[in-house]
Amino acid sequence: MREILDDIDRWHSAGKRVAVARVVDTNGSGPREPGAAMAVSEDGEVAGSVSGGCVEGAVVSEALAILRGEAESRIVTFGYSDDEAFAVGLTCGGTVHLFIQPLEW
């Protein structure tokens, strides 16, 4: 989480809304450990990583939907057997559970 704080602070100073995705659990082999975090600004800038690149695009889409009010904070799961996870490249054989929420200043 520390590696994304400078970007979050910069976006906050610019008056931008931000969502944060955090790995809360993994099953089997996972690309990042629980606690890994990624922040997404309302204009799509990204800081950090929750999967080493394999599901980041899908996470950005989820985060932006939350920032637009189209979805609420929630846990999102990507796993090897999920068609979407395979499509975005999560081929490590495990499952990653992420909690995505907007930051409240």
PDB file of N, CA and C in Angstrom:
ATOM      1  N   MET A   1       0.823  -1.190   0.000  1.00  0.00           N
ATOM      2  CA  MET A   1       0.000   0.000   0.000  1.00  0.00           C
ATOM      3  C   MET A   1       0.871   1.259   0.000  1.00  0.00           C
ATOM      4  N   ARG A   2       2.010   1.200   0.648  1.00  0.00           N
ATOM      5  CA  ARG A   2       2.864   2.389   0.757  1.00  0.00           C
ATOM      6  C   ARG A   2       3.318   2.923  -0.594  1.00  0.00           C
ATOM      7  N   GLU A   3       3.526   2.003  -1.554  1.00  0.00           N
ATOM      8  CA  GLU A   3       4.031   2.442  -2.858  1.00  0.00           C
ATOM      9  C   GLU A   3       3.022   3.260  -3.644  1.00  0.00           C
ATOM     10  N   ILE A   4       1.751   3.254  -3.249  1.00  0.00           N
ATOM     11  CA  ILE A   4       0.743   4.016  -3.988  1.00  0.00           C
ATOM     12  C   ILE A   4       0.337   5.308  -3.282  1.00  0.00           C
ATOM     13  N   LEU A   5       0.854   5.541  -2.081  1.00  0.00           N
ATOM     14  CA  LEU A   5       0.430   6.711  -1.299  1.00  0.00           C
ATOM     15  C   LEU A   5       0.765   8.043  -1.966  1.00  0.00           C
ATOM     16  N   ASP A   6       1.929   8.151  -2.603  1.00  0.00           N
ATOM     17  CA  ASP A   6       2.285   9.411  -3.268  1.00  0.00           C
ATOM     18  C   ASP A   6       1.302   9.735  -4.391  1.00  0.00           C
ATOM     19  N   ASP A   7       0.924   8.712  -5.168  1.00  0.00           N
ATOM     20  CA  ASP A   7      -0.034   8.937  -6.247  1.00  0.00           C
ATOM     21  C   ASP A   7      -1.406   9.305  -5.692  1.00  0.00           C
ATOM     22  N   ILE A   8      -1.835   8.615  -4.646  1.00  0.00           N
ATOM     23  CA  ILE A   8      -3.125   8.935  -4.029  1.00  0.00           C
ATOM     24  C   ILE A   8      -3.117  10.372  -3.523  1.00  0.00           C
ATOM     25  N   ASP A   9      -2.035  10.763  -2.880  1.00  0.00           N
ATOM     26  CA  ASP A   9      -1.930  12.137  -2.366  1.00  0.00           C
ATOM     27  C   ASP A   9      -1.976  13.156  -3.505  1.00  0.00           C
ATOM     28  N   ARG A  10      -1.287  12.861  -4.598  1.00  0.00           N
ATOM     29  CA  ARG A  10      -1.291  13.770  -5.754  1.00  0.00           C
ATOM     30  C   ARG A  10      -2.694  13.894  -6.344  1.00  0.00           C
ATOM     31  N   TRP A  11      -3.385  12.756  -6.493  1.00  0.00           N
ATOM     32  CA  TRP A  11      -4.744  12.790  -7.036  1.00  0.00           C
ATOM     33  C   TRP A  11      -5.692  13.526  -6.094  1.00  0.00           C
ATOM     34  N   HIS A  12      -5.523  13.303  -4.785  1.00  0.00           N
ATOM     35  CA  HIS A  12      -6.363  14.000  -3.804  1.00  0.00           C
ATOM     36  C   HIS A  12      -6.137  15.502  -3.891  1.00  0.00           C
ATOM     37  N   SER A  13      -4.875  15.921  -3.996  1.00  0.00           N
ATOM     38  CA  SER A  13      -4.556  17.348  -4.109  1.00  0.00           C
ATOM     39  C   SER A  13      -5.162  17.972  -5.362  1.00  0.00           C
ATOM     40  N   ALA A  14      -5.323  17.163  -6.404  1.00  0.00           N
ATOM     41  CA  ALA A  14      -5.921  17.644  -7.655  1.00  0.00           C
ATOM     42  C   ALA A  14      -7.444  17.550  -7.633  1.00  0.00           C
ATOM     43  N   GLY A  15      -8.010  17.081  -6.524  1.00  0.00           N
ATOM     44  CA  GLY A  15      -9.463  16.997  -6.406  1.00  0.00           C
ATOM     45  C   GLY A  15     -10.087  15.807  -7.119  1.00  0.00           C
ATOM     46  N   LYS A  16      -9.281  14.794  -7.408  1.00  0.00           N
ATOM     47  CA  LYS A  16      -9.800  13.622  -8.121  1.00  0.00           C
ATOM     48  C   LYS A  16     -10.335  12.578  -7.144  1.00  0.00           C
ATOM     49  N   ARG A  17     -11.360  11.860  -7.579  1.00  0.00           N
ATOM     50  CA  ARG A  17     -11.876  10.732  -6.825  1.00  0.00           C
ATOM     51  C   ARG A  17     -10.998   9.522  -7.119  1.00  0.00           C
ATOM     52  N   VAL A  18     -10.886   8.629  -6.125  1.00  0.00           N
ATOM     53  CA  VAL A  18      -9.989   7.483  -6.224  1.00  0.00           C
ATOM     54  C   VAL A  18     -10.662   6.245  -5.640  1.00  0.00           C
ATOM     55  N   ALA A  19     -10.458   5.112  -6.286  1.00  0.00           N
ATOM     56  CA  ALA A  19     -10.869   3.818  -5.736  1.00  0.00           C
ATOM     57  C   ALA A  19      -9.612   2.994  -5.478  1.00  0.00           C
ATOM     58  N   VAL A  20      -9.685   2.147  -4.452  1.00  0.00           N
ATOM     59  CA  VAL A  20      -8.563   1.291  -4.108  1.00  0.00           C
ATOM     60  C   VAL A  20      -9.021  -0.163  -4.141  1.00  0.00           C
ATOM     61  N   ALA A  21      -8.215  -0.998  -4.762  1.00  0.00           N
ATOM     62  CA  ALA A  21      -8.436  -2.444  -4.782  1.00  0.00           C
ATOM     63  C   ALA A  21      -7.323  -3.088  -3.961  1.00  0.00           C
ATOM     64  N   ARG A  22      -7.720  -3.992  -3.061  1.00  0.00           N
ATOM     65  CA  ARG A  22      -6.735  -4.683  -2.233  1.00  0.00           C
ATOM     66  C   ARG A  22      -6.955  -6.188  -2.318  1.00  0.00           C
ATOM     67  N   VAL A  23      -5.860  -6.927  -2.385  1.00  0.00           N
ATOM     68  CA  VAL A  23      -5.957  -8.381  -2.310  1.00  0.00           C
ATOM     69  C   VAL A  23      -6.308  -8.724  -0.866  1.00  0.00           C
ATOM     70  N   VAL A  24      -7.436  -9.418  -0.682  1.00  0.00           N
ATOM     71  CA  VAL A  24      -7.841  -9.798   0.668  1.00  0.00           C
ATOM     72  C   VAL A  24      -7.655 -11.292   0.922  1.00  0.00           C
ATOM     73  N   ASP A  25      -7.524 -12.084  -0.147  1.00  0.00           N
ATOM     74  CA  ASP A  25      -7.308 -13.515   0.022  1.00  0.00           C
ATOM     75  C   ASP A  25      -6.896 -14.117  -1.313  1.00  0.00           C
ATOM     76  N   THR A  26      -6.218 -15.243  -1.243  1.00  0.00           N
ATOM     77  CA  THR A  26      -5.892 -16.021  -2.443  1.00  0.00           C
ATOM     78  C   THR A  26      -6.137 -17.488  -2.122  1.00  0.00           C
ATOM     79  N   ASN A  27      -6.440 -18.253  -3.141  1.00  0.00           N
ATOM     80  CA  ASN A  27      -6.537 -19.706  -3.027  1.00  0.00           C
ATOM     81  C   ASN A  27      -5.620 -20.291  -4.084  1.00  0.00           C
ATOM     82  N   GLY A  28      -4.789 -21.215  -3.694  1.00  0.00           N
ATOM     83  CA  GLY A  28      -3.836 -21.775  -4.638  1.00  0.00           C
ATOM     84  C   GLY A  28      -2.741 -20.770  -4.932  1.00  0.00           C
ATOM     85  N   SER A  29      -2.177 -20.886  -6.102  1.00  0.00           N
ATOM     86  CA  SER A  29      -1.102 -20.001  -6.517  1.00  0.00           C
ATOM     87  C   SER A  29      -1.675 -18.642  -6.910  1.00  0.00           C
ATOM     88  N   GLY A  30      -1.145 -17.577  -6.310  1.00  0.00           N
ATOM     89  CA  GLY A  30      -1.598 -16.232  -6.652  1.00  0.00           C
ATOM     90  C   GLY A  30      -0.429 -15.345  -6.993  1.00  0.00           C
ATOM     91  N   PRO A  31      -0.640 -14.389  -7.870  1.00  0.00           N
ATOM     92  CA  PRO A  31       0.456 -13.521  -8.289  1.00  0.00           C
ATOM     93  C   PRO A  31       0.921 -12.541  -7.220  1.00  0.00           C
ATOM     94  N   ARG A  32       0.019 -12.121  -6.329  1.00  0.00           N
ATOM     95  CA  ARG A  32       0.378 -11.175  -5.255  1.00  0.00           C
ATOM     96  C   ARG A  32      -0.242 -11.655  -3.950  1.00  0.00           C
ATOM     97  N   GLU A  33       0.386 -11.329  -2.855  1.00  0.00           N
ATOM     98  CA  GLU A  33      -0.068 -11.740  -1.531  1.00  0.00           C
ATOM     99  C   GLU A  33      -1.162 -10.802  -1.014  1.00  0.00           C
ATOM    100  N   PRO A  34      -1.983 -11.264  -0.057  1.00  0.00           N
ATOM    101  CA  PRO A  34      -2.952 -10.364   0.575  1.00  0.00           C
ATOM    102  C   PRO A  34      -2.262  -9.109   1.094  1.00  0.00           C
ATOM    103  N   GLY A  35      -2.921  -7.989   0.895  1.00  0.00           N
ATOM    104  CA  GLY A  35      -2.362  -6.696   1.268  1.00  0.00           C
ATOM    105  C   GLY A  35      -1.876  -5.897   0.075  1.00  0.00           C
ATOM    106  N   ALA A  36      -1.579  -6.577  -1.029  1.00  0.00           N
ATOM    107  CA  ALA A  36      -1.175  -5.854  -2.238  1.00  0.00           C
ATOM    108  C   ALA A  36      -2.309  -4.926  -2.655  1.00  0.00           C
ATOM    109  N   ALA A  37      -1.976  -3.746  -3.129  1.00  0.00           N
ATOM    110  CA  ALA A  37      -3.005  -2.756  -3.430  1.00  0.00           C
ATOM    111  C   ALA A  37      -2.743  -2.037  -4.746  1.00  0.00           C
ATOM    112  N   MET A  38      -3.832  -1.561  -5.312  1.00  0.00           N
ATOM    113  CA  MET A  38      -3.787  -0.778  -6.539  1.00  0.00           C
ATOM    114  C   MET A  38      -4.810   0.347  -6.392  1.00  0.00           C
ATOM    115  N   ALA A  39      -4.437   1.539  -6.804  1.00  0.00           N
ATOM    116  CA  ALA A  39      -5.352   2.679  -6.775  1.00  0.00           C
ATOM    117  C   ALA A  39      -5.658   3.102  -8.209  1.00  0.00           C
ATOM    118  N   VAL A  40      -6.896   3.555  -8.411  1.00  0.00           N
ATOM    119  CA  VAL A  40      -7.339   4.007  -9.726  1.00  0.00           C
ATOM    120  C   VAL A  40      -8.002   5.366  -9.554  1.00  0.00           C
ATOM    121  N   SER A  41      -7.513   6.364 -10.294  1.00  0.00           N
ATOM    122  CA  SER A  41      -8.134   7.687 -10.233  1.00  0.00           C
ATOM    123  C   SER A  41      -9.350   7.710 -11.157  1.00  0.00           C
ATOM    124  N   GLU A  42     -10.204   8.705 -10.970  1.00  0.00           N
ATOM    125  CA  GLU A  42     -11.425   8.791 -11.772  1.00  0.00           C
ATOM    126  C   GLU A  42     -11.156   8.945 -13.262  1.00  0.00           C
ATOM    127  N   ASP A  43      -9.951   9.376 -13.635  1.00  0.00           N
ATOM    128  CA  ASP A  43      -9.644   9.491 -15.058  1.00  0.00           C
ATOM    129  C   ASP A  43      -8.806   8.319 -15.564  1.00  0.00           C
ATOM    130  N   GLY A  44      -8.745   7.235 -14.764  1.00  0.00           N
ATOM    131  CA  GLY A  44      -8.129   5.998 -15.222  1.00  0.00           C
ATOM    132  C   GLY A  44      -6.653   5.842 -14.964  1.00  0.00           C
ATOM    133  N   GLU A  45      -6.031   6.767 -14.246  1.00  0.00           N
ATOM    134  CA  GLU A  45      -4.624   6.581 -13.886  1.00  0.00           C
ATOM    135  C   GLU A  45      -4.532   5.461 -12.860  1.00  0.00           C
ATOM    136  N   VAL A  46      -3.460   4.689 -12.919  1.00  0.00           N
ATOM    137  CA  VAL A  46      -3.301   3.524 -12.052  1.00  0.00           C
ATOM    138  C   VAL A  46      -1.977   3.601 -11.314  1.00  0.00           C
ATOM    139  N   ALA A  47      -2.006   3.196 -10.043  1.00  0.00           N
ATOM    140  CA  ALA A  47      -0.787   3.071  -9.237  1.00  0.00           C
ATOM    141  C   ALA A  47      -0.852   1.740  -8.505  1.00  0.00           C
ATOM    142  N   GLY A  48       0.252   1.024  -8.461  1.00  0.00           N
ATOM    143  CA  GLY A  48       0.309  -0.239  -7.751  1.00  0.00           C
ATOM    144  C   GLY A  48      -0.145  -1.407  -8.609  1.00  0.00           C
ATOM    145  N   SER A  49      -0.236  -2.579  -7.977  1.00  0.00           N
ATOM    146  CA  SER A  49      -0.610  -3.789  -8.690  1.00  0.00           C
ATOM    147  C   SER A  49      -1.235  -4.789  -7.724  1.00  0.00           C
ATOM    148  N   VAL A  50      -2.258  -5.491  -8.199  1.00  0.00           N
ATOM    149  CA  VAL A  50      -2.881  -6.540  -7.391  1.00  0.00           C
ATOM    150  C   VAL A  50      -2.667  -7.920  -7.989  1.00  0.00           C
ATOM    151  N   SER A  51      -2.100  -7.970  -9.189  1.00  0.00           N
ATOM    152  CA  SER A  51      -1.954  -9.278  -9.827  1.00  0.00           C
ATOM    153  C   SER A  51      -0.722  -9.388 -10.705  1.00  0.00           C
ATOM    154  N   GLY A  52       0.188  -8.474 -10.599  1.00  0.00           N
ATOM    155  CA  GLY A  52       1.352  -8.537 -11.462  1.00  0.00           C
ATOM    156  C   GLY A  52       1.020  -8.306 -12.925  1.00  0.00           C
ATOM    157  N   GLY A  53      -0.149  -7.726 -13.193  1.00  0.00           N
ATOM    158  CA  GLY A  53      -0.524  -7.361 -14.544  1.00  0.00           C
ATOM    159  C   GLY A  53      -1.602  -8.211 -15.176  1.00  0.00           C
ATOM    160  N   CYS A  54      -1.899  -9.403 -14.613  1.00  0.00           N
ATOM    161  CA  CYS A  54      -2.792 -10.302 -15.337  1.00  0.00           C
ATOM    162  C   CYS A  54      -4.277  -9.962 -15.226  1.00  0.00           C
ATOM    163  N   VAL A  55      -4.731  -9.262 -14.208  1.00  0.00           N
ATOM    164  CA  VAL A  55      -6.154  -8.875 -14.156  1.00  0.00           C
ATOM    165  C   VAL A  55      -6.343  -7.375 -13.958  1.00  0.00           C
ATOM    166  N   GLU A  56      -5.272  -6.623 -14.050  1.00  0.00           N
ATOM    167  CA  GLU A  56      -5.344  -5.196 -13.784  1.00  0.00           C
ATOM    168  C   GLU A  56      -6.399  -4.477 -14.630  1.00  0.00           C
ATOM    169  N   GLY A  57      -6.506  -4.799 -15.910  1.00  0.00           N
ATOM    170  CA  GLY A  57      -7.484  -4.138 -16.768  1.00  0.00           C
ATOM    171  C   GLY A  57      -8.900  -4.337 -16.280  1.00  0.00           C
ATOM    172  N   ALA A  58      -9.218  -5.548 -15.861  1.00  0.00           N
ATOM    173  CA  ALA A  58     -10.557  -5.829 -15.335  1.00  0.00           C
ATOM    174  C   ALA A  58     -10.784  -5.095 -14.017  1.00  0.00           C
ATOM    175  N   VAL A  59      -9.754  -4.987 -13.193  1.00  0.00           N
ATOM    176  CA  VAL A  59      -9.874  -4.285 -11.915  1.00  0.00           C
ATOM    177  C   VAL A  59     -10.096  -2.797 -12.155  1.00  0.00           C
ATOM    178  N   VAL A  60      -9.410  -2.217 -13.123  1.00  0.00           N
ATOM    179  CA  VAL A  60      -9.623  -0.805 -13.460  1.00  0.00           C
ATOM    180  C   VAL A  60     -11.076  -0.585 -13.867  1.00  0.00           C
ATOM    181  N   SER A  61     -11.611  -1.460 -14.687  1.00  0.00           N
ATOM    182  CA  SER A  61     -13.011  -1.335 -15.103  1.00  0.00           C
ATOM    183  C   SER A  61     -13.951  -1.392 -13.912  1.00  0.00           C
ATOM    184  N   GLU A  62     -13.709  -2.313 -12.995  1.00  0.00           N
ATOM    185  CA  GLU A  62     -14.536  -2.428 -11.785  1.00  0.00           C
ATOM    186  C   GLU A  62     -14.422  -1.164 -10.927  1.00  0.00           C
ATOM    187  N   ALA A  63     -13.201  -0.666 -10.743  1.00  0.00           N
ATOM    188  CA  ALA A  63     -12.979   0.529  -9.924  1.00  0.00           C
ATOM    189  C   ALA A  63     -13.666   1.749 -10.530  1.00  0.00           C
ATOM    190  N   LEU A  64     -13.567   1.903 -11.842  1.00  0.00           N
ATOM    191  CA  LEU A  64     -14.213   3.050 -12.492  1.00  0.00           C
ATOM    192  C   LEU A  64     -15.732   2.956 -12.393  1.00  0.00           C
ATOM    193  N   ALA A  65     -16.284   1.758 -12.469  1.00  0.00           N
ATOM    194  CA  ALA A  65     -17.733   1.587 -12.307  1.00  0.00           C
ATOM    195  C   ALA A  65     -18.162   2.015 -10.907  1.00  0.00           C
ATOM    196  N   ILE A  66     -17.362   1.701  -9.916  1.00  0.00           N
ATOM    197  CA  ILE A  66     -17.666   2.116  -8.544  1.00  0.00           C
ATOM    198  C   ILE A  66     -17.589   3.635  -8.430  1.00  0.00           C
ATOM    199  N   LEU A  67     -16.569   4.239  -9.012  1.00  0.00           N
ATOM    200  CA  LEU A  67     -16.436   5.697  -8.944  1.00  0.00           C
ATOM    201  C   LEU A  67     -17.558   6.413  -9.682  1.00  0.00           C
ATOM    202  N   ARG A  68     -18.104   5.803 -10.734  1.00  0.00           N
ATOM    203  CA  ARG A  68     -19.222   6.397 -11.472  1.00  0.00           C
ATOM    204  C   ARG A  68     -20.568   6.151 -10.785  1.00  0.00           C
ATOM    205  N   GLY A  69     -20.564   5.373  -9.722  1.00  0.00           N
ATOM    206  CA  GLY A  69     -21.804   5.068  -9.019  1.00  0.00           C
ATOM    207  C   GLY A  69     -22.604   3.943  -9.652  1.00  0.00           C
ATOM    208  N   GLU A  70     -22.007   3.222 -10.577  1.00  0.00           N
ATOM    209  CA  GLU A  70     -22.685   2.113 -11.249  1.00  0.00           C
ATOM    210  C   GLU A  70     -22.597   0.819 -10.438  1.00  0.00           C
ATOM    211  N   ALA A  71     -21.751   0.790  -9.436  1.00  0.00           N
ATOM    212  CA  ALA A  71     -21.575  -0.387  -8.582  1.00  0.00           C
ATOM    213  C   ALA A  71     -21.164   0.101  -7.198  1.00  0.00           C
ATOM    214  N   GLU A  72     -21.330  -0.772  -6.211  1.00  0.00           N
ATOM    215  CA  GLU A  72     -20.939  -0.447  -4.843  1.00  0.00           C
ATOM    216  C   GLU A  72     -19.645  -1.161  -4.490  1.00  0.00           C
ATOM    217  N   SER A  73     -19.042  -0.737  -3.392  1.00  0.00           N
ATOM    218  CA  SER A  73     -17.853  -1.423  -2.887  1.00  0.00           C
ATOM    219  C   SER A  73     -18.169  -2.904  -2.765  1.00  0.00           C
ATOM    220  N   ARG A  74     -17.199  -3.731  -3.151  1.00  0.00           N
ATOM    221  CA  ARG A  74     -17.484  -5.159  -3.103  1.00  0.00           C
ATOM    222  C   ARG A  74     -16.207  -5.977  -3.250  1.00  0.00           C
ATOM    223  N   ILE A  75     -16.380  -7.278  -2.967  1.00  0.00           N
ATOM    224  CA  ILE A  75     -15.302  -8.238  -3.210  1.00  0.00           C
ATOM    225  C   ILE A  75     -15.501  -8.802  -4.605  1.00  0.00           C
ATOM    226  N   VAL A  76     -14.432  -8.804  -5.382  1.00  0.00           N
ATOM    227  CA  VAL A  76     -14.433  -9.346  -6.741  1.00  0.00           C
ATOM    228  C   VAL A  76     -13.431 -10.497  -6.754  1.00  0.00           C
ATOM    229  N   THR A  77     -13.804 -11.592  -7.387  1.00  0.00           N
ATOM    230  CA  THR A  77     -12.959 -12.776  -7.423  1.00  0.00           C
ATOM    231  C   THR A  77     -12.594 -13.124  -8.857  1.00  0.00           C
ATOM    232  N   PHE A  78     -11.316 -13.403  -9.060  1.00  0.00           N
ATOM    233  CA  PHE A  78     -10.827 -13.886 -10.348  1.00  0.00           C
ATOM    234  C   PHE A  78     -10.119 -15.206 -10.089  1.00  0.00           C
ATOM    235  N   GLY A  79     -10.461 -16.219 -10.869  1.00  0.00           N
ATOM    236  CA  GLY A  79      -9.833 -17.519 -10.692  1.00  0.00           C
ATOM    237  C   GLY A  79      -9.532 -18.161 -12.025  1.00  0.00           C
ATOM    238  N   TYR A  80      -8.670 -19.148 -11.981  1.00  0.00           N
ATOM    239  CA  TYR A  80      -8.231 -19.812 -13.201  1.00  0.00           C
ATOM    240  C   TYR A  80      -9.395 -20.406 -13.979  1.00  0.00           C
ATOM    241  N   SER A  81     -10.413 -20.887 -13.272  1.00  0.00           N
ATOM    242  CA  SER A  81     -11.526 -21.521 -13.971  1.00  0.00           C
ATOM    243  C   SER A  81     -12.536 -20.513 -14.510  1.00  0.00           C
ATOM    244  N   ASP A  82     -12.439 -19.265 -14.113  1.00  0.00           N
ATOM    245  CA  ASP A  82     -13.360 -18.237 -14.600  1.00  0.00           C
ATOM    246  C   ASP A  82     -12.990 -17.849 -16.022  1.00  0.00           C
ATOM    247  N   ASP A  83     -13.967 -17.827 -16.926  1.00  0.00           N
ATOM    248  CA  ASP A  83     -13.697 -17.438 -18.314  1.00  0.00           C
ATOM    249  C   ASP A  83     -13.064 -16.052 -18.383  1.00  0.00           C
ATOM    250  N   GLU A  84     -13.582 -15.119 -17.565  1.00  0.00           N
ATOM    251  CA  GLU A  84     -13.049 -13.758 -17.589  1.00  0.00           C
ATOM    252  C   GLU A  84     -11.600 -13.737 -17.117  1.00  0.00           C
ATOM    253  N   ALA A  85     -11.288 -14.469 -16.056  1.00  0.00           N
ATOM    254  CA  ALA A  85      -9.914 -14.492 -15.551  1.00  0.00           C
ATOM    255  C   ALA A  85      -8.966 -15.050 -16.601  1.00  0.00           C
ATOM    256  N   PHE A  86      -9.380 -16.127 -17.282  1.00  0.00           N
ATOM    257  CA  PHE A  86      -8.531 -16.692 -18.335  1.00  0.00           C
ATOM    258  C   PHE A  86      -8.352 -15.681 -19.458  1.00  0.00           C
ATOM    259  N   ALA A  87      -9.446 -14.973 -19.802  1.00  0.00           N
ATOM    260  CA  ALA A  87      -9.383 -13.995 -20.890  1.00  0.00           C
ATOM    261  C   ALA A  87      -8.420 -12.863 -20.567  1.00  0.00           C
ATOM    262  N   VAL A  88      -8.337 -12.456 -19.274  1.00  0.00           N
ATOM    263  CA  VAL A  88      -7.436 -11.362 -18.918  1.00  0.00           C
ATOM    264  C   VAL A  88      -6.058 -11.856 -18.518  1.00  0.00           C
ATOM    265  N   GLY A  89      -5.854 -13.178 -18.511  1.00  0.00           N
ATOM    266  CA  GLY A  89      -4.508 -13.700 -18.317  1.00  0.00           C
ATOM    267  C   GLY A  89      -4.169 -14.268 -16.965  1.00  0.00           C
ATOM    268  N   LEU A  90      -5.149 -14.529 -16.099  1.00  0.00           N
ATOM    269  CA  LEU A  90      -4.849 -15.104 -14.790  1.00  0.00           C
ATOM    270  C   LEU A  90      -4.700 -16.618 -14.955  1.00  0.00           C
ATOM    271  N   THR A  91      -3.535 -17.026 -15.403  1.00  0.00           N
ATOM    272  CA  THR A  91      -3.301 -18.435 -15.703  1.00  0.00           C
ATOM    273  C   THR A  91      -2.384 -19.083 -14.671  1.00  0.00           C
ATOM    274  N   CYS A  92      -2.252 -18.474 -13.499  1.00  0.00           N
ATOM    275  CA  CYS A  92      -1.349 -19.009 -12.473  1.00  0.00           C
ATOM    276  C   CYS A  92      -1.952 -20.202 -11.757  1.00  0.00           C
ATOM    277  N   GLY A  93      -3.216 -20.509 -12.016  1.00  0.00           N
ATOM    278  CA  GLY A  93      -3.837 -21.677 -11.419  1.00  0.00           C
ATOM    279  C   GLY A  93      -4.539 -21.403 -10.115  1.00  0.00           C
ATOM    280  N   GLY A  94      -4.485 -20.197  -9.613  1.00  0.00           N
ATOM    281  CA  GLY A  94      -5.110 -19.874  -8.338  1.00  0.00           C
ATOM    282  C   GLY A  94      -6.292 -18.941  -8.493  1.00  0.00           C
ATOM    283  N   THR A  95      -6.775 -18.491  -7.354  1.00  0.00           N
ATOM    284  CA  THR A  95      -7.887 -17.547  -7.298  1.00  0.00           C
ATOM    285  C   THR A  95      -7.457 -16.368  -6.440  1.00  0.00           C
ATOM    286  N   VAL A  96      -7.802 -15.165  -6.869  1.00  0.00           N
ATOM    287  CA  VAL A  96      -7.484 -13.959  -6.111  1.00  0.00           C
ATOM    288  C   VAL A  96      -8.791 -13.246  -5.783  1.00  0.00           C
ATOM    289  N   HIS A  97      -8.936 -12.833  -4.517  1.00  0.00           N
ATOM    290  CA  HIS A  97     -10.117 -12.118  -4.054  1.00  0.00           C
ATOM    291  C   HIS A  97      -9.692 -10.680  -3.735  1.00  0.00           C
ATOM    292  N   LEU A  98     -10.373  -9.724  -4.347  1.00  0.00           N
ATOM    293  CA  LEU A  98     -10.038  -8.304  -4.176  1.00  0.00           C
ATOM    294  C   LEU A  98     -11.212  -7.558  -3.579  1.00  0.00           C
ATOM    295  N   PHE A  99     -10.934  -6.644  -2.667  1.00  0.00           N
ATOM    296  CA  PHE A  99     -11.967  -5.731  -2.177  1.00  0.00           C
ATOM    297  C   PHE A  99     -11.709  -4.389  -2.839  1.00  0.00           C
ATOM    298  N   ILE A 100     -12.721  -3.880  -3.525  1.00  0.00           N
ATOM    299  CA  ILE A 100     -12.595  -2.604  -4.240  1.00  0.00           C
ATOM    300  C   ILE A 100     -13.548  -1.612  -3.623  1.00  0.00           C
ATOM    301  N   GLN A 101     -13.051  -0.423  -3.279  1.00  0.00           N
ATOM    302  CA  GLN A 101     -13.878   0.596  -2.650  1.00  0.00           C
ATOM    303  C   GLN A 101     -13.371   1.986  -3.011  1.00  0.00           C
ATOM    304  N   PRO A 102     -14.272   2.967  -3.018  1.00  0.00           N
ATOM    305  CA  PRO A 102     -13.813   4.341  -3.233  1.00  0.00           C
ATOM    306  C   PRO A 102     -13.180   4.867  -1.940  1.00  0.00           C
ATOM    307  N   LEU A 103     -12.200   5.746  -2.084  1.00  0.00           N
ATOM    308  CA  LEU A 103     -11.639   6.417  -0.909  1.00  0.00           C
ATOM    309  C   LEU A 103     -12.536   7.588  -0.550  1.00  0.00           C
ATOM    310  N   GLU A 104     -12.762   7.737   0.719  1.00  0.00           N
ATOM    311  CA  GLU A 104     -13.510   8.889   1.225  1.00  0.00           C
ATOM    312  C   GLU A 104     -12.489   9.829   1.856  1.00  0.00           C
ATOM    313  N   TRP A 105     -12.439  11.066   1.369  1.00  0.00           N
ATOM    314  CA  TRP A 105     -11.434  11.994   1.862  1.00  0.00           C
ATOM    315  C   TRP A 105     -11.811  12.514   3.224  1.00  0.00           C
TER     316      TRP A 105
END
